[in-house]
Protein backbone atom coordinates (compact mmCIF):
# COMPACT_ATOMS: atom_id res chain seq x y z
CA MET A 1 -8.91 37.00 -36.41
CA PRO A 2 -7.36 34.92 -33.57
CA ALA A 3 -5.75 36.97 -30.84
CA PHE A 4 -2.31 35.44 -31.36
CA PHE A 5 -2.21 36.67 -34.96
CA SER A 6 -3.53 40.15 -34.27
CA ARG A 7 -1.14 43.05 -34.71
CA ARG A 8 -3.68 45.55 -33.38
CA LEU A 9 -5.29 44.32 -30.18
CA VAL A 10 -8.15 46.17 -28.51
CA VAL A 11 -8.94 45.15 -24.94
CA MET A 12 -12.36 46.00 -23.52
CA PHE A 13 -13.22 45.80 -19.84
CA GLY A 14 -16.76 45.47 -18.53
CA CYS A 15 -18.33 45.11 -15.11
CA VAL A 16 -19.41 41.51 -14.58
CA ALA A 17 -20.33 39.50 -11.51
CA LEU A 18 -17.81 36.90 -10.44
CA VAL A 19 -19.91 33.75 -10.34
CA ALA A 20 -17.10 31.22 -10.69
CA ALA A 21 -13.40 30.89 -10.03
CA GLN A 22 -11.09 32.55 -12.54
CA PRO A 23 -9.69 30.10 -15.15
CA SER A 24 -6.14 28.94 -14.68
CA VAL A 25 -3.29 30.58 -16.61
CA ALA A 26 -2.85 27.34 -18.56
CA ALA A 27 -6.53 27.32 -19.52
CA GLN A 28 -6.36 30.94 -20.65
CA GLN A 29 -3.29 30.22 -22.77
CA GLU A 30 -4.99 27.21 -24.35
CA ARG A 31 -7.97 29.31 -25.40
CA SER A 32 -5.86 32.17 -26.78
CA ASP A 33 -3.36 29.85 -28.50
CA PRO A 34 -4.74 26.44 -29.52
CA SER A 35 -1.40 25.28 -30.93
CA THR A 36 0.22 22.27 -29.37
CA ALA A 37 3.34 20.14 -29.77
CA GLY A 38 3.94 19.25 -33.41
CA ALA A 39 6.43 18.61 -36.18
CA ASP A 40 9.37 20.96 -35.85
CA GLY A 41 13.07 21.33 -36.45
CA PRO A 42 15.65 20.23 -36.83
CA TYR A 43 17.59 21.91 -34.05
CA VAL A 44 21.25 21.31 -34.83
CA ARG A 45 24.28 21.68 -32.58
CA ARG A 46 27.95 21.22 -33.24
CA LYS A 47 29.37 18.45 -31.08
CA PRO A 48 32.58 19.20 -29.14
CA GLY A 49 34.40 16.28 -30.76
CA GLY A 50 33.22 17.12 -34.28
CA GLY A 51 30.05 16.46 -36.21
CA PHE A 52 26.52 17.56 -35.42
CA GLU A 53 23.58 16.44 -33.31
CA CYS A 54 20.26 16.93 -35.11
CA LYS A 55 17.07 16.85 -33.00
CA ARG A 56 13.55 16.93 -34.45
CA VAL A 57 10.03 16.73 -33.18
CA VAL A 58 8.24 14.23 -35.41
CA ALA A 59 4.47 13.96 -35.60
CA ASP A 60 2.83 11.00 -37.39
CA GLU A 61 0.41 8.15 -36.77
CA LYS A 62 2.68 7.00 -33.93
CA GLY A 63 2.24 10.29 -32.12
CA THR A 64 4.51 13.25 -31.39
CA ARG A 65 8.01 12.33 -30.33
CA LEU A 66 11.68 13.25 -30.35
CA GLU A 67 14.09 11.90 -32.97
CA VAL A 68 17.85 12.40 -32.71
CA GLU A 69 20.31 11.94 -35.58
CA GLN A 70 24.09 12.21 -35.55
CA LEU A 71 25.63 13.87 -38.61
CA PRO A 72 29.29 13.76 -39.71
CA ALA A 73 31.56 16.79 -39.55
CA ALA A 74 32.21 16.80 -43.31
CA ARG A 75 29.46 17.41 -45.87
CA ALA A 76 26.73 17.16 -43.22
CA LYS A 77 23.26 17.65 -44.64
CA PHE A 78 19.63 16.86 -43.94
CA GLU A 79 16.31 17.03 -45.75
CA LEU A 80 13.56 19.46 -44.86
CA ALA A 81 9.99 18.75 -45.97
CA LEU A 82 8.23 21.82 -47.33
CA PRO A 83 4.58 22.59 -48.10
CA GLU A 84 3.56 22.80 -51.74
CA SER A 85 6.91 21.29 -52.78
CA ALA A 86 7.25 17.96 -54.56
CA ALA A 87 10.65 17.23 -53.01
CA PRO A 88 12.27 18.17 -49.70
CA LEU A 89 14.90 20.87 -49.45
CA THR A 90 18.41 19.57 -48.88
CA VAL A 91 20.16 21.76 -46.32
CA THR A 92 23.95 21.57 -46.19
CA LEU A 93 25.57 22.60 -42.92
CA ARG A 94 28.47 25.02 -43.15
CA ALA A 95 31.35 26.28 -41.06
CA PRO A 96 30.40 28.77 -38.33
CA ALA A 97 29.14 32.01 -39.82
CA THR A 98 31.08 35.25 -39.76
CA ALA A 99 29.70 38.77 -39.94
CA GLU A 100 29.35 40.22 -43.41
CA ALA A 101 30.06 43.76 -44.54
CA ALA A 102 27.52 46.51 -43.91
CA ARG A 103 27.77 48.16 -47.34
CA PHE A 104 27.67 46.88 -50.91
CA PRO A 105 27.31 48.49 -54.33
CA SER A 106 23.80 48.75 -55.67
CA PRO A 107 22.83 45.43 -57.33
CA GLU A 108 20.97 45.19 -60.62
CA ARG A 109 18.12 43.48 -58.79
CA VAL A 110 17.06 43.42 -55.16
CA PHE A 111 14.07 41.62 -53.63
CA VAL A 112 12.88 42.69 -50.17
CA LEU A 113 10.42 41.11 -47.76
CA SER A 114 9.87 41.24 -44.03
CA ASP A 115 7.88 40.11 -40.98
CA ILE A 116 7.06 36.59 -42.19
CA GLU A 117 6.59 35.50 -38.55
CA GLY A 118 6.83 31.75 -39.05
CA ASN A 119 4.53 31.67 -42.08
CA LEU A 120 6.42 29.21 -44.29
CA PRO A 121 3.88 29.02 -47.15
CA ALA A 122 3.92 32.82 -47.47
CA LEU A 123 7.72 32.88 -47.52
CA LEU A 124 7.97 30.23 -50.23
CA ARG A 125 5.25 31.78 -52.40
CA LEU A 126 6.87 35.20 -52.33
CA LEU A 127 10.32 33.86 -53.13
CA ARG A 128 8.91 32.01 -56.12
CA ALA A 129 6.68 34.90 -57.20
CA GLY A 130 9.68 37.24 -57.19
CA GLY A 131 11.73 34.93 -59.39
CA VAL A 132 14.22 34.31 -56.59
CA VAL A 133 13.84 30.51 -56.70
CA ASP A 134 12.11 27.92 -58.86
CA ASP A 135 9.64 25.28 -57.69
CA ALA A 136 12.51 23.15 -56.37
CA LEU A 137 13.99 26.16 -54.50
CA ARG A 138 16.96 26.38 -56.84
CA TRP A 139 18.34 29.93 -56.86
CA THR A 140 17.18 31.71 -60.05
CA PHE A 141 18.01 35.32 -59.12
CA GLY A 142 21.52 35.35 -60.57
CA LYS A 143 23.66 38.09 -59.06
CA GLY A 144 20.65 39.75 -57.47
CA ARG A 145 20.34 40.26 -53.73
CA VAL A 146 17.50 39.29 -51.41
CA VAL A 147 17.03 41.28 -48.21
CA PHE A 148 14.92 39.81 -45.43
CA LEU A 149 14.14 42.71 -43.09
CA GLY A 150 13.61 40.81 -39.87
CA ASP A 151 10.86 39.33 -37.71
CA LEU A 152 10.86 35.80 -38.96
CA PHE A 153 10.22 34.66 -35.36
CA ASP A 154 7.00 34.41 -33.34
CA ARG A 155 3.28 34.30 -34.03
CA GLY A 156 3.52 31.57 -36.69
CA LEU A 157 4.10 27.83 -36.38
CA GLN A 158 6.98 27.14 -38.81
CA VAL A 159 9.69 29.43 -37.54
CA THR A 160 12.44 26.81 -37.56
CA GLU A 161 11.68 25.71 -41.10
CA CYS A 162 11.67 29.32 -42.34
CA LEU A 163 15.09 29.86 -40.80
CA TRP A 164 16.55 26.81 -42.52
CA VAL A 165 15.15 27.95 -45.89
CA LEU A 166 16.94 31.30 -45.61
CA TYR A 167 20.10 29.65 -44.22
CA GLU A 168 20.29 27.33 -47.23
CA LEU A 169 19.36 29.98 -49.79
CA GLU A 170 22.15 32.20 -48.47
CA ALA A 171 24.65 29.56 -49.60
CA ARG A 172 22.90 28.93 -52.91
CA ALA A 173 22.80 32.66 -53.64
CA SER A 174 26.51 33.05 -52.90
CA ALA A 175 27.38 30.14 -55.19
CA ALA A 176 25.55 31.93 -58.03
CA GLY A 177 27.23 35.28 -57.42
CA GLY A 178 24.23 36.76 -55.62
CA ALA A 179 23.45 37.20 -51.94
CA LEU A 180 20.79 36.78 -49.30
CA HIS A 181 20.95 39.22 -46.39
CA PHE A 182 19.10 38.56 -43.13
CA VAL A 183 18.71 41.91 -41.33
CA LEU A 184 17.73 41.37 -37.70
CA GLY A 185 14.41 42.60 -36.33
CA ASN A 186 13.16 43.08 -32.80
CA HIS A 187 11.72 39.56 -32.63
CA GLU A 188 15.05 37.96 -33.55
CA VAL A 189 16.77 39.95 -30.82
CA MET A 190 14.01 39.12 -28.32
CA ASN A 191 14.28 35.38 -28.95
CA LEU A 192 18.07 35.40 -28.84
CA THR A 193 18.08 37.24 -25.51
CA GLY A 194 15.42 35.26 -23.64
CA ASP A 195 12.39 37.50 -24.19
CA LEU A 196 9.89 34.81 -25.22
CA ARG A 197 6.60 36.61 -24.64
CA TYR A 198 5.34 36.06 -28.20
CA VAL A 199 6.51 32.47 -28.68
CA ARG A 200 3.64 30.14 -29.53
CA ARG A 201 2.55 27.38 -27.18
CA LYS A 202 3.72 24.78 -29.72
CA TYR A 203 7.35 25.71 -29.10
CA HIS A 204 7.02 25.62 -25.33
CA GLU A 205 5.67 22.06 -25.59
CA ASN A 206 8.24 21.07 -28.20
CA ALA A 207 11.06 22.26 -25.96
CA ALA A 208 9.86 19.80 -23.34
CA LEU A 209 9.94 17.00 -25.93
CA LEU A 210 13.42 18.08 -26.99
CA ARG A 211 14.46 18.03 -23.31
CA GLU A 212 15.88 21.52 -23.52
CA PRO A 213 14.91 24.88 -22.04
CA LEU A 214 13.09 26.92 -24.66
CA GLU A 215 15.64 29.74 -24.42
CA GLU A 216 18.42 27.28 -25.31
CA LEU A 217 17.00 26.19 -28.68
CA TYR A 218 18.73 29.09 -30.44
CA SER A 219 21.73 29.40 -28.14
CA ALA A 220 25.14 30.33 -29.53
CA SER A 221 26.06 26.63 -29.57
CA SER A 222 23.37 25.88 -32.15
CA VAL A 223 23.97 26.29 -35.88
CA LEU A 224 21.04 28.66 -36.37
CA GLY A 225 21.71 30.56 -33.14
CA GLN A 226 25.33 31.18 -34.07
CA TRP A 227 24.34 32.18 -37.60
CA LEU A 228 21.71 34.66 -36.38
CA ARG A 229 24.12 36.24 -33.92
CA THR A 230 26.36 37.30 -36.82
CA ARG A 231 23.61 38.89 -38.92
CA ASN A 232 23.55 42.67 -39.28
CA VAL A 233 21.05 45.20 -38.03
CA ALA A 234 21.73 47.68 -40.84
CA LEU A 235 22.63 47.13 -44.49
CA GLN A 236 23.38 49.62 -47.24
CA LEU A 237 23.06 48.75 -50.93
CA GLY A 238 24.20 51.65 -53.05
CA ASP A 239 22.35 54.72 -51.79
CA GLU A 240 19.54 52.82 -50.06
CA LEU A 241 19.58 51.74 -46.42
CA PHE A 242 17.77 48.64 -45.12
CA VAL A 243 16.76 48.37 -41.44
CA HIS A 244 13.91 46.64 -39.68
CA GLY A 245 12.25 49.55 -37.88
CA GLY A 246 13.86 52.74 -39.11
CA VAL A 247 16.47 55.34 -38.27
CA SER A 248 15.15 57.88 -35.80
CA PRO A 249 16.46 61.46 -35.69
CA SER A 250 18.19 60.71 -32.37
CA VAL A 251 20.00 57.67 -33.79
CA ALA A 252 21.11 59.58 -36.88
CA ALA A 253 22.28 62.55 -34.80
CA ALA A 254 24.44 60.27 -32.63
CA GLY A 255 26.68 59.73 -35.63
CA ALA A 256 27.48 56.03 -35.15
CA THR A 257 28.48 54.27 -38.36
CA LEU A 258 26.64 51.23 -39.70
CA GLU A 259 29.69 49.18 -38.84
CA GLN A 260 29.64 50.38 -35.22
CA LEU A 261 25.94 49.61 -34.88
CA ASN A 262 26.32 46.12 -36.31
CA GLU A 263 29.40 45.33 -34.25
CA ALA A 264 27.74 46.50 -31.04
CA LEU A 265 24.81 44.17 -31.54
CA HIS A 266 27.03 41.25 -32.57
CA ALA A 267 29.09 41.64 -29.40
CA ALA A 268 26.03 41.92 -27.16
CA LEU A 269 24.37 38.85 -28.68
CA ALA A 270 27.59 36.85 -28.30
CA ALA A 271 27.98 37.76 -24.62
CA GLU A 272 26.95 35.30 -21.93
CA ARG A 273 24.39 37.74 -20.55
CA TRP A 274 22.35 40.28 -22.51
CA SER A 275 22.87 43.82 -21.34
CA GLN A 276 20.82 46.72 -22.64
CA PRO A 277 22.53 50.07 -21.97
CA LYS A 278 20.68 53.36 -22.20
CA SER A 279 23.34 54.96 -24.40
CA GLY A 280 26.02 54.03 -26.90
CA PRO A 281 25.90 52.04 -30.17
CA LEU A 282 23.97 49.08 -28.71
CA ALA A 283 21.17 51.35 -27.51
CA LEU A 284 21.09 53.00 -30.94
CA ALA A 285 20.78 49.59 -32.60
CA ALA A 286 18.38 47.82 -30.26
CA GLY A 287 17.07 50.28 -27.68
CA SER A 288 13.33 50.87 -27.52
CA PRO A 289 11.54 52.89 -28.81
CA ASP A 290 14.01 54.72 -31.06
CA GLY A 291 16.60 52.03 -31.92
CA LEU A 292 16.89 50.61 -35.43
CA ILE A 293 14.82 47.50 -34.63
CA TRP A 294 12.01 49.32 -32.79
CA TYR A 295 11.43 52.75 -34.36
CA ARG A 296 7.98 53.35 -35.91
CA GLY A 297 8.10 57.10 -36.50
CA TYR A 298 7.92 56.92 -40.29
CA LEU A 299 4.41 55.49 -40.12
CA LYS A 300 2.96 56.03 -36.66
CA ALA A 301 2.45 59.07 -34.45
CA PRO A 302 4.41 60.97 -33.49
CA GLN A 303 5.56 60.90 -37.10
CA ILE A 304 8.88 62.26 -38.20
CA ALA A 305 8.74 65.72 -39.74
CA SER A 306 9.82 66.16 -43.34
CA ALA A 307 12.81 68.31 -42.37
CA GLU A 308 13.86 65.73 -39.77
CA LEU A 309 13.74 62.95 -42.36
CA ASP A 310 15.82 65.04 -44.75
CA ALA A 311 18.38 65.50 -42.00
CA VAL A 312 18.45 61.75 -41.30
CA LEU A 313 19.04 60.94 -44.96
CA GLU A 314 21.73 63.59 -45.27
CA LYS A 315 23.50 62.35 -42.15
CA LEU A 316 23.48 58.78 -43.47
CA ALA A 317 24.34 59.84 -47.03
CA VAL A 318 21.48 57.79 -48.52
CA ARG A 319 18.42 58.75 -50.52
CA ARG A 320 16.00 56.15 -49.20
CA ILE A 321 15.41 53.92 -46.18
CA VAL A 322 13.61 50.57 -46.62
CA VAL A 323 11.81 49.29 -43.52
CA GLY A 324 9.53 46.57 -42.16
CA HIS A 325 8.19 46.35 -38.58
CA THR A 326 5.12 48.57 -38.98
CA VAL A 327 2.20 47.10 -40.91
CA VAL A 328 0.95 48.88 -44.02
CA ASP A 329 -1.97 47.91 -46.25
CA ASP A 330 0.30 47.49 -49.26
CA VAL A 331 4.02 47.66 -49.93
CA SER A 332 4.43 51.32 -50.80
CA PHE A 333 6.52 54.47 -50.77
CA VAL A 334 5.84 56.99 -48.03
CA HIS A 335 7.26 60.44 -47.35
CA GLY A 336 7.56 61.22 -51.04
CA GLY A 337 9.55 58.09 -51.86
CA ARG A 338 12.16 58.68 -49.18
CA VAL A 339 10.93 55.61 -47.26
CA LEU A 340 9.78 52.26 -48.65
CA ALA A 341 7.55 50.29 -46.25
CA VAL A 342 7.32 46.53 -46.88
CA ASP A 343 5.60 44.99 -43.81
CA VAL A 344 2.15 43.66 -44.72
CA HIS A 345 -0.11 41.28 -42.81
CA HIS A 346 0.99 37.92 -44.24
CA ALA A 347 -1.11 35.94 -41.73
CA SER A 348 -4.30 37.28 -43.31
CA GLY A 349 -3.25 35.92 -46.72
CA HIS A 350 -2.23 39.37 -47.98
CA SER A 351 1.44 38.71 -48.79
CA GLN A 352 3.58 41.14 -50.73
CA ALA A 353 7.23 41.98 -51.25
CA ALA A 354 9.22 44.63 -53.10
CA LEU A 355 11.39 44.16 -56.17
CA ARG A 356 13.77 46.63 -57.77
CA ASP A 357 15.12 45.89 -61.23
CA LYS A 358 15.78 47.89 -64.41
CA ASP A 359 12.16 49.08 -64.30
CA GLY A 360 12.47 50.51 -60.80
CA TRP A 361 10.67 49.48 -57.62
CA GLN A 362 7.62 47.26 -57.92
CA ARG A 363 5.17 45.64 -55.53
CA VAL A 364 5.01 41.83 -55.97
CA ASP A 365 2.16 39.73 -54.63
CA ALA A 366 2.16 36.01 -53.85
CA LYS A 367 0.83 35.18 -57.33
CA GLY A 368 3.61 37.08 -59.08
CA ALA A 369 1.56 40.13 -60.10
CA ARG A 370 3.70 43.25 -60.18
CA THR A 371 2.66 46.86 -59.69
CA LYS A 372 5.07 49.74 -60.34
CA LEU A 373 5.59 51.96 -57.32
């Protein structure tokens, strides 16, 4: 497995004679990440006088180059080519996003997936396999709710396209009486705050073609950057809580409400400079290693004790927490059904999601096969 896809890296050091000069940093990066500038975008910004500027990296027989399109303020839309789709997806740009509520009644159906990491084919296959959309990406989930549990960024090579798919489906879901919720993960927060350590080489080179600093591609002035900055870090549907990493005993004991956690992260992401305090609601939401976007204690040592988990659930007044972030072999219940883990290794071709309907929770694979949990 290539190093840039690995989620479990083992580094081995040996004693070797230095017979030649060490390779340059650029050469090392090229070997570890063979990606290069390629088709990408669009990156869309609202223009001060109205309308939008739409910038793409286009790759064809003429080479790789920048294309810029101006879009009107009213009914602005563009087409997005998608793999395994006969027609492009039409994306309609909307007014600036606002934060949604943190709590909703339990829906009749909910579909959950996480940690797609720029893998557009995996995202589309799972959405279709779960009955969320049809082949043309028309919403077919009725009043059901889709929850994406974070980490759409990094490692893969179609991050921007994945974002636009979820952006557009959010509107299509709402029009049908349903909803799509994007719950932020650690990689969203990292990219929005200038921590670009996992960004693929392709995007560094594309930023040069776009004539923008890489950290500005998802700035608050961009449509996607503004949208992401209003997404929540915690969502409750009925008596089930959805977060990217998990709720640690220390976060639960602090007593902050979901609303306080979400608002703290929204404010920090909207600020001109990212500040990471060691205490308070922002630290509870995004502090490492115990914040909502980083915690791994449900699945990795030191694991949460059963009594501690009971106390967390009681404090939050929920019966189950649904998480991504930490890879499992299969979407499955852990801790006696008190936690549902949904992060699988999509890059290896092993894509799964979770679906709850009248028959309870089920594991769904990319071919649509369902297994009751």
